[in-house]
Amino acid sequence: MGYGIFAAVQTLWAGPYLTEVMGLTAMNAGNVILMMNVGALVGGTAWGWLSDTVFHSRKWVILGGMVIYLMVLLVMVMISSNISFIILIMLFLSFGFFRSSGILLYVHIKETMPAQMAGTAMTGINFFTMIGPAVFLQGLGILMQRLYPHASRGPEAFRTSFMVCSALILMVSILYIFTKDTFLKNRRTL
């Protein structure tokens, strides 16, 4: 869910949202979208360090990132088109940064599996990670078109799609609570 939403917004939906709903120029919209990627790049390194050095947990670091990612999506539901450019940059930077906590899922899943199943586990997570963008790229467009046939790229259509994305992230966050943390178990065996 997390990567599917990120990839769909980053590659397709952020441009129309920022230019048509938020009123940015194409250049400014591109700069805001760039901040998503900067956030993801910085976040990928930061979350690994936080997991290994500060919190000594995979599960709770991932879950914390997902919860804040959910909050960023909810802010996107509530903001108006007269929000400042700097706040939009910070919002999209946060979008990328907190979504990238999900990269630790690779480590978490690999650590939950026996060593002889590591390849199968990585294949599974890669498959489901790549299905996410395929579903969300099309799914968000279908949702917006069906619910708002005459304004499928208007403010209400985007608010609804961000609300659906928020609900899905909330659902997977709740389900993720029931996973086992692996950091301490693997730390003892090293």
N, C-alpha and C. Protein backbone atom coordinates (compact mmCIF):
# COMPACT_ATOMS: atom_id res chain seq x y z
N MET A 1 0.82 -1.20 0.00
CA MET A 1 0.00 0.00 0.00
C MET A 1 0.86 1.26 0.00
N GLY A 2 1.84 1.28 0.91
CA GLY A 2 2.65 2.49 1.07
C GLY A 2 3.38 2.89 -0.19
N TYR A 3 4.07 1.94 -0.82
CA TYR A 3 4.81 2.27 -2.03
C TYR A 3 3.86 2.51 -3.19
N GLY A 4 2.78 1.77 -3.26
CA GLY A 4 1.81 1.97 -4.34
C GLY A 4 1.26 3.38 -4.34
N ILE A 5 0.91 3.87 -3.17
CA ILE A 5 0.39 5.24 -3.06
C ILE A 5 1.49 6.24 -3.42
N PHE A 6 2.68 6.05 -2.86
CA PHE A 6 3.79 6.96 -3.15
C PHE A 6 4.07 7.01 -4.64
N ALA A 7 4.20 5.85 -5.28
CA ALA A 7 4.54 5.80 -6.70
C ALA A 7 3.44 6.40 -7.56
N ALA A 8 2.18 6.16 -7.21
CA ALA A 8 1.08 6.72 -8.00
C ALA A 8 1.05 8.24 -7.89
N VAL A 9 1.26 8.76 -6.70
CA VAL A 9 1.26 10.21 -6.53
C VAL A 9 2.49 10.81 -7.22
N GLN A 10 3.64 10.21 -6.99
CA GLN A 10 4.89 10.74 -7.53
C GLN A 10 4.89 10.75 -9.06
N THR A 11 4.46 9.67 -9.67
CA THR A 11 4.60 9.53 -11.12
C THR A 11 3.44 10.09 -11.93
N LEU A 12 2.25 10.15 -11.35
CA LEU A 12 1.10 10.57 -12.15
C LEU A 12 0.25 11.65 -11.50
N TRP A 13 -0.13 11.48 -10.26
CA TRP A 13 -1.17 12.33 -9.69
C TRP A 13 -0.67 13.62 -9.05
N ALA A 14 0.59 13.71 -8.67
CA ALA A 14 1.09 14.94 -8.04
C ALA A 14 1.07 16.11 -9.01
N GLY A 15 1.43 15.87 -10.25
CA GLY A 15 1.45 16.95 -11.24
C GLY A 15 0.09 17.62 -11.41
N PRO A 16 -0.94 16.86 -11.76
CA PRO A 16 -2.28 17.48 -11.88
C PRO A 16 -2.77 18.08 -10.57
N TYR A 17 -2.48 17.42 -9.45
CA TYR A 17 -2.92 17.96 -8.16
C TYR A 17 -2.28 19.32 -7.91
N LEU A 18 -0.98 19.40 -8.11
CA LEU A 18 -0.26 20.64 -7.80
C LEU A 18 -0.58 21.76 -8.78
N THR A 19 -0.77 21.44 -10.07
CA THR A 19 -1.03 22.49 -11.05
C THR A 19 -2.52 22.86 -11.12
N GLU A 20 -3.39 21.87 -11.12
CA GLU A 20 -4.81 22.15 -11.32
C GLU A 20 -5.56 22.46 -10.03
N VAL A 21 -5.17 21.85 -8.93
CA VAL A 21 -5.87 22.09 -7.67
C VAL A 21 -5.16 23.15 -6.85
N MET A 22 -3.84 23.03 -6.73
CA MET A 22 -3.09 23.97 -5.89
C MET A 22 -2.65 25.22 -6.66
N GLY A 23 -2.78 25.23 -7.98
CA GLY A 23 -2.50 26.42 -8.78
C GLY A 23 -1.04 26.73 -9.01
N LEU A 24 -0.16 25.75 -8.89
CA LEU A 24 1.27 26.00 -9.11
C LEU A 24 1.60 25.99 -10.60
N THR A 25 2.69 26.66 -10.94
CA THR A 25 3.20 26.55 -12.30
C THR A 25 3.82 25.16 -12.47
N ALA A 26 4.03 24.76 -13.71
CA ALA A 26 4.65 23.45 -13.97
C ALA A 26 6.03 23.36 -13.32
N MET A 27 6.80 24.45 -13.37
CA MET A 27 8.14 24.47 -12.77
C MET A 27 8.07 24.29 -11.26
N ASN A 28 7.19 25.03 -10.61
CA ASN A 28 7.06 24.90 -9.16
C ASN A 28 6.52 23.53 -8.77
N ALA A 29 5.58 23.00 -9.55
CA ALA A 29 5.07 21.66 -9.27
C ALA A 29 6.19 20.63 -9.38
N GLY A 30 7.04 20.77 -10.38
CA GLY A 30 8.18 19.87 -10.53
C GLY A 30 9.13 19.95 -9.35
N ASN A 31 9.35 21.15 -8.85
CA ASN A 31 10.21 21.31 -7.68
C ASN A 31 9.61 20.66 -6.43
N VAL A 32 8.30 20.77 -6.28
CA VAL A 32 7.64 20.13 -5.14
C VAL A 32 7.74 18.61 -5.26
N ILE A 33 7.51 18.09 -6.46
CA ILE A 33 7.61 16.64 -6.68
C ILE A 33 9.04 16.16 -6.43
N LEU A 34 10.02 16.97 -6.83
CA LEU A 34 11.42 16.64 -6.54
C LEU A 34 11.64 16.45 -5.05
N MET A 35 10.97 17.26 -4.24
CA MET A 35 11.13 17.15 -2.79
C MET A 35 10.64 15.80 -2.26
N MET A 36 9.65 15.20 -2.91
CA MET A 36 9.23 13.85 -2.52
C MET A 36 10.40 12.89 -2.64
N ASN A 37 11.13 13.02 -3.74
CA ASN A 37 12.26 12.13 -3.99
C ASN A 37 13.43 12.41 -3.07
N VAL A 38 13.67 13.67 -2.79
CA VAL A 38 14.72 14.03 -1.84
C VAL A 38 14.38 13.44 -0.47
N GLY A 39 13.11 13.57 -0.07
CA GLY A 39 12.68 12.99 1.20
C GLY A 39 12.87 11.49 1.24
N ALA A 40 12.54 10.83 0.14
CA ALA A 40 12.70 9.37 0.07
C ALA A 40 14.17 8.97 0.14
N LEU A 41 15.04 9.72 -0.53
CA LEU A 41 16.48 9.40 -0.49
C LEU A 41 17.06 9.59 0.90
N VAL A 42 16.75 10.70 1.51
CA VAL A 42 17.25 10.97 2.86
C VAL A 42 16.63 9.98 3.85
N GLY A 43 15.35 9.74 3.69
CA GLY A 43 14.64 8.83 4.60
C GLY A 43 15.16 7.41 4.56
N GLY A 44 15.50 6.92 3.38
CA GLY A 44 16.01 5.56 3.28
C GLY A 44 17.21 5.32 4.17
N THR A 45 18.12 6.27 4.19
CA THR A 45 19.30 6.16 5.05
C THR A 45 18.93 6.39 6.51
N ALA A 46 18.11 7.39 6.75
CA ALA A 46 17.77 7.75 8.14
C ALA A 46 17.02 6.62 8.84
N TRP A 47 16.07 5.99 8.17
CA TRP A 47 15.27 4.95 8.83
C TRP A 47 16.13 3.74 9.18
N GLY A 48 17.07 3.38 8.32
CA GLY A 48 17.96 2.27 8.64
C GLY A 48 18.80 2.58 9.87
N TRP A 49 19.34 3.78 9.92
CA TRP A 49 20.14 4.20 11.07
C TRP A 49 19.28 4.24 12.33
N LEU A 50 18.08 4.80 12.24
CA LEU A 50 17.19 4.84 13.41
C LEU A 50 16.86 3.44 13.91
N SER A 51 16.63 2.53 12.98
CA SER A 51 16.29 1.15 13.35
C SER A 51 17.46 0.44 14.02
N ASP A 52 18.64 0.59 13.45
CA ASP A 52 19.81 -0.13 13.96
C ASP A 52 20.43 0.50 15.20
N THR A 53 20.44 1.83 15.26
CA THR A 53 21.22 2.52 16.27
C THR A 53 20.40 3.12 17.40
N VAL A 54 19.28 3.71 17.08
CA VAL A 54 18.53 4.47 18.08
C VAL A 54 17.44 3.63 18.73
N PHE A 55 16.55 3.05 17.93
CA PHE A 55 15.38 2.36 18.49
C PHE A 55 15.56 0.85 18.64
N HIS A 56 16.54 0.28 17.97
CA HIS A 56 16.80 -1.16 18.03
C HIS A 56 15.51 -1.96 17.76
N SER A 57 14.84 -1.58 16.72
CA SER A 57 13.58 -2.21 16.35
C SER A 57 13.36 -2.03 14.85
N ARG A 58 12.80 -3.03 14.22
CA ARG A 58 12.36 -2.89 12.83
C ARG A 58 10.89 -2.48 12.85
N LYS A 59 10.11 -3.28 13.56
CA LYS A 59 8.66 -3.13 13.58
C LYS A 59 8.23 -1.73 13.99
N TRP A 60 8.72 -1.23 15.09
CA TRP A 60 8.22 0.03 15.63
C TRP A 60 8.71 1.23 14.83
N VAL A 61 9.87 1.11 14.20
CA VAL A 61 10.34 2.18 13.32
C VAL A 61 9.48 2.23 12.06
N ILE A 62 9.22 1.07 11.47
CA ILE A 62 8.35 1.01 10.29
C ILE A 62 6.97 1.54 10.64
N LEU A 63 6.41 1.07 11.73
CA LEU A 63 5.07 1.48 12.14
C LEU A 63 5.01 2.98 12.42
N GLY A 64 6.02 3.51 13.09
CA GLY A 64 6.06 4.95 13.34
C GLY A 64 6.08 5.75 12.05
N GLY A 65 6.89 5.31 11.10
CA GLY A 65 6.93 5.99 9.80
C GLY A 65 5.61 5.91 9.07
N MET A 66 4.95 4.75 9.14
CA MET A 66 3.66 4.60 8.47
C MET A 66 2.60 5.50 9.10
N VAL A 67 2.62 5.62 10.40
CA VAL A 67 1.63 6.46 11.08
C VAL A 67 1.83 7.93 10.70
N ILE A 68 3.06 8.38 10.63
CA ILE A 68 3.30 9.78 10.24
C ILE A 68 2.98 9.97 8.76
N TYR A 69 3.27 8.97 7.94
CA TYR A 69 2.89 8.98 6.51
C TYR A 69 1.37 9.14 6.40
N LEU A 70 0.64 8.42 7.23
CA LEU A 70 -0.81 8.54 7.28
C LEU A 70 -1.21 9.98 7.63
N MET A 71 -0.55 10.57 8.59
CA MET A 71 -0.87 11.95 8.98
C MET A 71 -0.59 12.93 7.83
N VAL A 72 0.49 12.70 7.09
CA VAL A 72 0.80 13.56 5.94
C VAL A 72 -0.33 13.45 4.91
N LEU A 73 -0.80 12.24 4.65
CA LEU A 73 -1.92 12.07 3.72
C LEU A 73 -3.17 12.78 4.22
N LEU A 74 -3.42 12.72 5.51
CA LEU A 74 -4.59 13.40 6.06
C LEU A 74 -4.46 14.92 5.95
N VAL A 75 -3.26 15.43 6.09
CA VAL A 75 -3.05 16.88 5.88
C VAL A 75 -3.38 17.23 4.43
N MET A 76 -3.00 16.35 3.49
CA MET A 76 -3.30 16.60 2.08
C MET A 76 -4.81 16.60 1.83
N VAL A 77 -5.56 15.89 2.63
CA VAL A 77 -7.02 15.91 2.52
C VAL A 77 -7.56 17.27 2.95
N MET A 78 -6.93 17.87 3.95
CA MET A 78 -7.49 19.07 4.59
C MET A 78 -6.97 20.41 4.07
N ILE A 79 -5.83 20.43 3.37
CA ILE A 79 -5.25 21.72 3.00
C ILE A 79 -6.07 22.40 1.90
N SER A 80 -5.92 23.72 1.84
CA SER A 80 -6.62 24.49 0.81
C SER A 80 -5.60 24.95 -0.23
N SER A 81 -6.11 25.46 -1.33
CA SER A 81 -5.25 25.85 -2.44
C SER A 81 -4.43 27.12 -2.15
N ASN A 82 -4.73 27.81 -1.08
CA ASN A 82 -3.95 29.03 -0.78
C ASN A 82 -2.84 28.77 0.24
N ILE A 83 -2.45 27.51 0.42
CA ILE A 83 -1.35 27.17 1.32
C ILE A 83 -0.04 27.69 0.73
N SER A 84 0.90 28.03 1.57
CA SER A 84 2.16 28.59 1.07
C SER A 84 3.00 27.52 0.35
N PHE A 85 3.81 28.00 -0.57
CA PHE A 85 4.68 27.13 -1.35
C PHE A 85 5.66 26.39 -0.45
N ILE A 86 6.19 27.05 0.55
CA ILE A 86 7.14 26.43 1.48
C ILE A 86 6.48 25.28 2.24
N ILE A 87 5.25 25.47 2.67
CA ILE A 87 4.54 24.40 3.37
C ILE A 87 4.29 23.22 2.44
N LEU A 88 3.97 23.49 1.18
CA LEU A 88 3.80 22.40 0.20
C LEU A 88 5.10 21.63 0.03
N ILE A 89 6.21 22.35 -0.06
CA ILE A 89 7.51 21.68 -0.18
C ILE A 89 7.76 20.79 1.04
N MET A 90 7.51 21.32 2.23
CA MET A 90 7.73 20.54 3.45
C MET A 90 6.79 19.34 3.51
N LEU A 91 5.57 19.51 3.07
CA LEU A 91 4.59 18.43 3.05
C LEU A 91 5.04 17.30 2.12
N PHE A 92 5.47 17.64 0.93
CA PHE A 92 5.89 16.61 -0.02
C PHE A 92 7.25 16.01 0.36
N LEU A 93 8.12 16.80 0.97
CA LEU A 93 9.37 16.25 1.51
C LEU A 93 9.04 15.22 2.60
N SER A 94 8.10 15.55 3.46
CA SER A 94 7.66 14.62 4.51
C SER A 94 7.00 13.38 3.91
N PHE A 95 6.23 13.58 2.88
CA PHE A 95 5.57 12.46 2.18
C PHE A 95 6.60 11.42 1.78
N GLY A 96 7.67 11.85 1.13
CA GLY A 96 8.73 10.93 0.71
C GLY A 96 9.52 10.37 1.87
N PHE A 97 9.86 11.23 2.83
CA PHE A 97 10.68 10.81 3.96
C PHE A 97 9.98 9.72 4.78
N PHE A 98 8.75 9.97 5.18
CA PHE A 98 8.08 9.02 6.06
C PHE A 98 7.62 7.77 5.31
N ARG A 99 7.33 7.87 4.04
CA ARG A 99 7.00 6.68 3.25
C ARG A 99 8.21 5.75 3.16
N SER A 100 9.39 6.31 3.13
CA SER A 100 10.57 5.47 2.94
C SER A 100 10.89 4.59 4.14
N SER A 101 10.20 4.77 5.26
CA SER A 101 10.37 3.83 6.38
C SER A 101 9.98 2.42 5.95
N GLY A 102 9.13 2.33 4.95
CA GLY A 102 8.70 1.03 4.44
C GLY A 102 9.80 0.22 3.80
N ILE A 103 10.92 0.85 3.45
CA ILE A 103 12.05 0.10 2.89
C ILE A 103 12.56 -0.93 3.89
N LEU A 104 12.41 -0.62 5.18
CA LEU A 104 12.83 -1.57 6.21
C LEU A 104 12.02 -2.85 6.20
N LEU A 105 10.89 -2.85 5.50
CA LEU A 105 10.10 -4.08 5.40
C LEU A 105 10.91 -5.21 4.78
N TYR A 106 11.79 -4.87 3.85
CA TYR A 106 12.64 -5.90 3.24
C TYR A 106 13.49 -6.59 4.31
N VAL A 107 14.09 -5.80 5.18
CA VAL A 107 14.91 -6.35 6.25
C VAL A 107 14.04 -7.14 7.22
N HIS A 108 12.92 -6.56 7.60
CA HIS A 108 12.04 -7.20 8.58
C HIS A 108 11.54 -8.55 8.06
N ILE A 109 11.09 -8.58 6.83
CA ILE A 109 10.58 -9.84 6.28
C ILE A 109 11.70 -10.86 6.14
N LYS A 110 12.87 -10.43 5.66
CA LYS A 110 13.99 -11.36 5.52
C LYS A 110 14.37 -11.94 6.88
N GLU A 111 14.34 -11.12 7.92
CA GLU A 111 14.72 -11.60 9.25
C GLU A 111 13.67 -12.53 9.87
N THR A 112 12.45 -12.47 9.40
CA THR A 112 11.41 -13.36 9.95
C THR A 112 11.46 -14.74 9.30
N MET A 113 12.13 -14.86 8.17
CA MET A 113 12.16 -16.12 7.42
C MET A 113 13.45 -16.89 7.70
N PRO A 114 13.39 -18.22 7.62
CA PRO A 114 14.64 -18.99 7.69
C PRO A 114 15.55 -18.62 6.51
N ALA A 115 16.83 -18.73 6.70
CA ALA A 115 17.80 -18.31 5.68
C ALA A 115 17.54 -18.96 4.32
N GLN A 116 17.13 -20.23 4.31
CA GLN A 116 16.89 -20.92 3.04
C GLN A 116 15.66 -20.40 2.31
N MET A 117 14.84 -19.58 2.98
CA MET A 117 13.64 -19.01 2.36
C MET A 117 13.81 -17.53 2.02
N ALA A 118 15.01 -16.99 2.21
CA ALA A 118 15.23 -15.55 2.01
C ALA A 118 14.91 -15.12 0.58
N GLY A 119 15.31 -15.89 -0.39
CA GLY A 119 15.04 -15.55 -1.80
C GLY A 119 13.56 -15.52 -2.09
N THR A 120 12.84 -16.50 -1.58
CA THR A 120 11.39 -16.55 -1.77
C THR A 120 10.72 -15.36 -1.09
N ALA A 121 11.18 -15.04 0.10
CA ALA A 121 10.61 -13.90 0.83
C ALA A 121 10.84 -12.59 0.07
N MET A 122 12.05 -12.40 -0.47
CA MET A 122 12.34 -11.18 -1.21
C MET A 122 11.55 -11.12 -2.52
N THR A 123 11.36 -12.27 -3.16
CA THR A 123 10.53 -12.31 -4.36
C THR A 123 9.10 -11.91 -4.04
N GLY A 124 8.59 -12.41 -2.94
CA GLY A 124 7.23 -12.07 -2.53
C GLY A 124 7.05 -10.60 -2.26
N ILE A 125 7.98 -10.02 -1.49
CA ILE A 125 7.83 -8.60 -1.17
C ILE A 125 8.01 -7.74 -2.43
N ASN A 126 8.93 -8.12 -3.31
CA ASN A 126 9.08 -7.37 -4.57
C ASN A 126 7.82 -7.44 -5.41
N PHE A 127 7.22 -8.61 -5.49
CA PHE A 127 6.00 -8.77 -6.28
C PHE A 127 4.89 -7.86 -5.75
N PHE A 128 4.64 -7.93 -4.46
CA PHE A 128 3.55 -7.13 -3.90
C PHE A 128 3.87 -5.63 -3.89
N THR A 129 5.15 -5.29 -3.76
CA THR A 129 5.54 -3.88 -3.83
C THR A 129 5.25 -3.32 -5.23
N MET A 130 5.53 -4.10 -6.25
CA MET A 130 5.33 -3.61 -7.62
C MET A 130 3.86 -3.68 -8.06
N ILE A 131 3.09 -4.53 -7.45
CA ILE A 131 1.65 -4.55 -7.74
C ILE A 131 1.00 -3.26 -7.25
N GLY A 132 1.51 -2.71 -6.14
CA GLY A 132 0.95 -1.48 -5.57
C GLY A 132 0.82 -0.35 -6.57
N PRO A 133 1.91 0.05 -7.25
CA PRO A 133 1.77 1.14 -8.23
C PRO A 133 0.81 0.79 -9.37
N ALA A 134 0.82 -0.46 -9.81
CA ALA A 134 -0.09 -0.85 -10.89
C ALA A 134 -1.54 -0.64 -10.47
N VAL A 135 -1.86 -1.01 -9.25
CA VAL A 135 -3.22 -0.86 -8.74
C VAL A 135 -3.55 0.61 -8.50
N PHE A 136 -2.67 1.34 -7.84
CA PHE A 136 -2.99 2.71 -7.46
C PHE A 136 -2.94 3.69 -8.62
N LEU A 137 -2.05 3.49 -9.58
CA LEU A 137 -2.04 4.39 -10.75
C LEU A 137 -3.39 4.38 -11.43
N GLN A 138 -3.90 3.18 -11.69
CA GLN A 138 -5.20 3.05 -12.36
C GLN A 138 -6.35 3.26 -11.39
N GLY A 139 -6.23 2.67 -10.20
CA GLY A 139 -7.33 2.68 -9.24
C GLY A 139 -7.74 4.07 -8.81
N LEU A 140 -6.77 4.94 -8.55
CA LEU A 140 -7.11 6.30 -8.13
C LEU A 140 -7.82 7.04 -9.26
N GLY A 141 -7.36 6.84 -10.48
CA GLY A 141 -8.01 7.48 -11.62
C GLY A 141 -9.43 6.99 -11.82
N ILE A 142 -9.63 5.69 -11.69
CA ILE A 142 -10.98 5.13 -11.82
C ILE A 142 -11.88 5.66 -10.72
N LEU A 143 -11.37 5.68 -9.49
CA LEU A 143 -12.14 6.19 -8.36
C LEU A 143 -12.57 7.64 -8.60
N MET A 144 -11.61 8.47 -8.98
CA MET A 144 -11.90 9.88 -9.19
C MET A 144 -12.88 10.09 -10.34
N GLN A 145 -12.74 9.33 -11.41
CA GLN A 145 -13.63 9.45 -12.57
C GLN A 145 -15.05 8.99 -12.24
N ARG A 146 -15.16 7.89 -11.50
CA ARG A 146 -16.49 7.37 -11.16
C ARG A 146 -17.23 8.27 -10.18
N LEU A 147 -16.53 8.76 -9.15
CA LEU A 147 -17.19 9.58 -8.14
C LEU A 147 -17.42 11.01 -8.60
N TYR A 148 -16.55 11.52 -9.45
CA TYR A 148 -16.63 12.91 -9.90
C TYR A 148 -16.48 12.97 -11.42
N PRO A 149 -17.47 12.46 -12.17
CA PRO A 149 -17.31 12.36 -13.62
C PRO A 149 -17.10 13.71 -14.33
N HIS A 150 -17.60 14.80 -13.75
CA HIS A 150 -17.44 16.10 -14.40
C HIS A 150 -16.31 16.93 -13.81
N ALA A 151 -15.70 16.43 -12.75
CA ALA A 151 -14.58 17.14 -12.12
C ALA A 151 -13.60 16.12 -11.54
N SER A 152 -13.19 15.19 -12.40
CA SER A 152 -12.36 14.08 -11.90
C SER A 152 -10.96 14.50 -11.48
N ARG A 153 -10.56 15.70 -11.83
CA ARG A 153 -9.26 16.21 -11.38
C ARG A 153 -9.45 17.49 -10.57
N GLY A 154 -10.58 17.59 -9.92
CA GLY A 154 -10.86 18.74 -9.08
C GLY A 154 -10.49 18.48 -7.63
N PRO A 155 -10.63 19.49 -6.80
CA PRO A 155 -10.23 19.37 -5.39
C PRO A 155 -10.92 18.24 -4.64
N GLU A 156 -12.21 18.08 -4.85
CA GLU A 156 -12.94 17.03 -4.13
C GLU A 156 -12.49 15.63 -4.55
N ALA A 157 -12.20 15.47 -5.83
CA ALA A 157 -11.73 14.17 -6.32
C ALA A 157 -10.40 13.81 -5.66
N PHE A 158 -9.49 14.77 -5.58
CA PHE A 158 -8.20 14.50 -4.95
C PHE A 158 -8.35 14.29 -3.45
N ARG A 159 -9.22 15.07 -2.80
CA ARG A 159 -9.44 14.87 -1.37
C ARG A 159 -9.96 13.45 -1.10
N THR A 160 -10.89 13.02 -1.91
CA THR A 160 -11.45 11.68 -1.74
C THR A 160 -10.39 10.61 -1.96
N SER A 161 -9.57 10.78 -3.00
CA SER A 161 -8.55 9.77 -3.27
C SER A 161 -7.51 9.74 -2.15
N PHE A 162 -7.13 10.91 -1.62
CA PHE A 162 -6.20 10.93 -0.49
C PHE A 162 -6.83 10.34 0.77
N MET A 163 -8.13 10.51 0.93
CA MET A 163 -8.83 9.93 2.08
C MET A 163 -8.85 8.40 1.96
N VAL A 164 -9.11 7.89 0.77
CA VAL A 164 -9.09 6.44 0.56
C VAL A 164 -7.68 5.90 0.83
N CYS A 165 -6.67 6.59 0.34
CA CYS A 165 -5.28 6.18 0.60
C CYS A 165 -4.99 6.18 2.10
N SER A 166 -5.48 7.19 2.79
CA SER A 166 -5.29 7.28 4.25
C SER A 166 -5.94 6.09 4.95
N ALA A 167 -7.15 5.76 4.54
CA ALA A 167 -7.87 4.63 5.15
C ALA A 167 -7.12 3.32 4.92
N LEU A 168 -6.55 3.16 3.74
CA LEU A 168 -5.80 1.94 3.45
C LEU A 168 -4.50 1.87 4.26
N ILE A 169 -3.82 2.99 4.40
CA ILE A 169 -2.60 3.00 5.23
C ILE A 169 -2.95 2.72 6.68
N LEU A 170 -4.05 3.26 7.15
CA LEU A 170 -4.51 2.97 8.52
C LEU A 170 -4.77 1.47 8.68
N MET A 171 -5.43 0.88 7.71
CA MET A 171 -5.74 -0.55 7.76
C MET A 171 -4.47 -1.40 7.83
N VAL A 172 -3.50 -1.13 6.95
CA VAL A 172 -2.28 -1.94 6.97
C VAL A 172 -1.44 -1.66 8.21
N SER A 173 -1.51 -0.45 8.73
CA SER A 173 -0.79 -0.14 9.97
C SER A 173 -1.35 -0.95 11.13
N ILE A 174 -2.66 -1.04 11.19
CA ILE A 174 -3.29 -1.85 12.25
C ILE A 174 -2.90 -3.32 12.10
N LEU A 175 -2.94 -3.82 10.88
CA LEU A 175 -2.54 -5.22 10.66
C LEU A 175 -1.07 -5.45 11.01
N TYR A 176 -0.23 -4.46 10.71
CA TYR A 176 1.21 -4.59 10.95
C TYR A 176 1.53 -4.66 12.45
N ILE A 177 0.68 -4.11 13.28
CA ILE A 177 0.89 -4.18 14.73
C ILE A 177 1.06 -5.63 15.19
N PHE A 178 0.43 -6.56 14.51
CA PHE A 178 0.44 -7.96 14.92
C PHE A 178 1.67 -8.74 14.45
N THR A 179 2.60 -8.06 13.76
CA THR A 179 3.84 -8.74 13.36
C THR A 179 4.82 -8.78 14.53
N LYS A 180 5.78 -9.66 14.44
CA LYS A 180 6.81 -9.75 15.48
C LYS A 180 8.02 -8.92 15.08
N ASP A 181 8.60 -8.24 16.06
CA ASP A 181 9.82 -7.50 15.81
C ASP A 181 10.97 -8.50 15.71
N THR A 182 11.93 -8.24 14.85
CA THR A 182 13.02 -9.19 14.62
C THR A 182 14.37 -8.67 15.08
N PHE A 183 14.49 -7.40 15.34
CA PHE A 183 15.82 -6.83 15.59
C PHE A 183 16.51 -7.48 16.77
N LEU A 184 15.86 -7.56 17.92
CA LEU A 184 16.52 -8.08 19.11
C LEU A 184 16.85 -9.56 18.98
N LYS A 185 15.95 -10.33 18.37
CA LYS A 185 16.21 -11.76 18.18
C LYS A 185 17.47 -11.96 17.34
N ASN A 186 17.59 -11.25 16.23
CA ASN A 186 18.76 -11.39 15.36
C ASN A 186 20.00 -10.77 15.97
N ARG A 187 19.85 -9.77 16.77
CA ARG A 187 20.98 -9.14 17.44
C ARG A 187 21.66 -10.12 18.40
N ARG A 188 20.85 -10.93 19.11
CA ARG A 188 21.39 -11.90 20.06
C ARG A 188 22.15 -13.02 19.37
N THR A 189 21.78 -13.35 18.12
CA THR A 189 22.43 -14.46 17.43
C THR A 189 23.70 -14.04 16.73
N LEU A 190 23.96 -12.74 16.62
CA LEU A 190 25.17 -12.28 15.93
C LEU A 190 26.42 -12.47 16.75
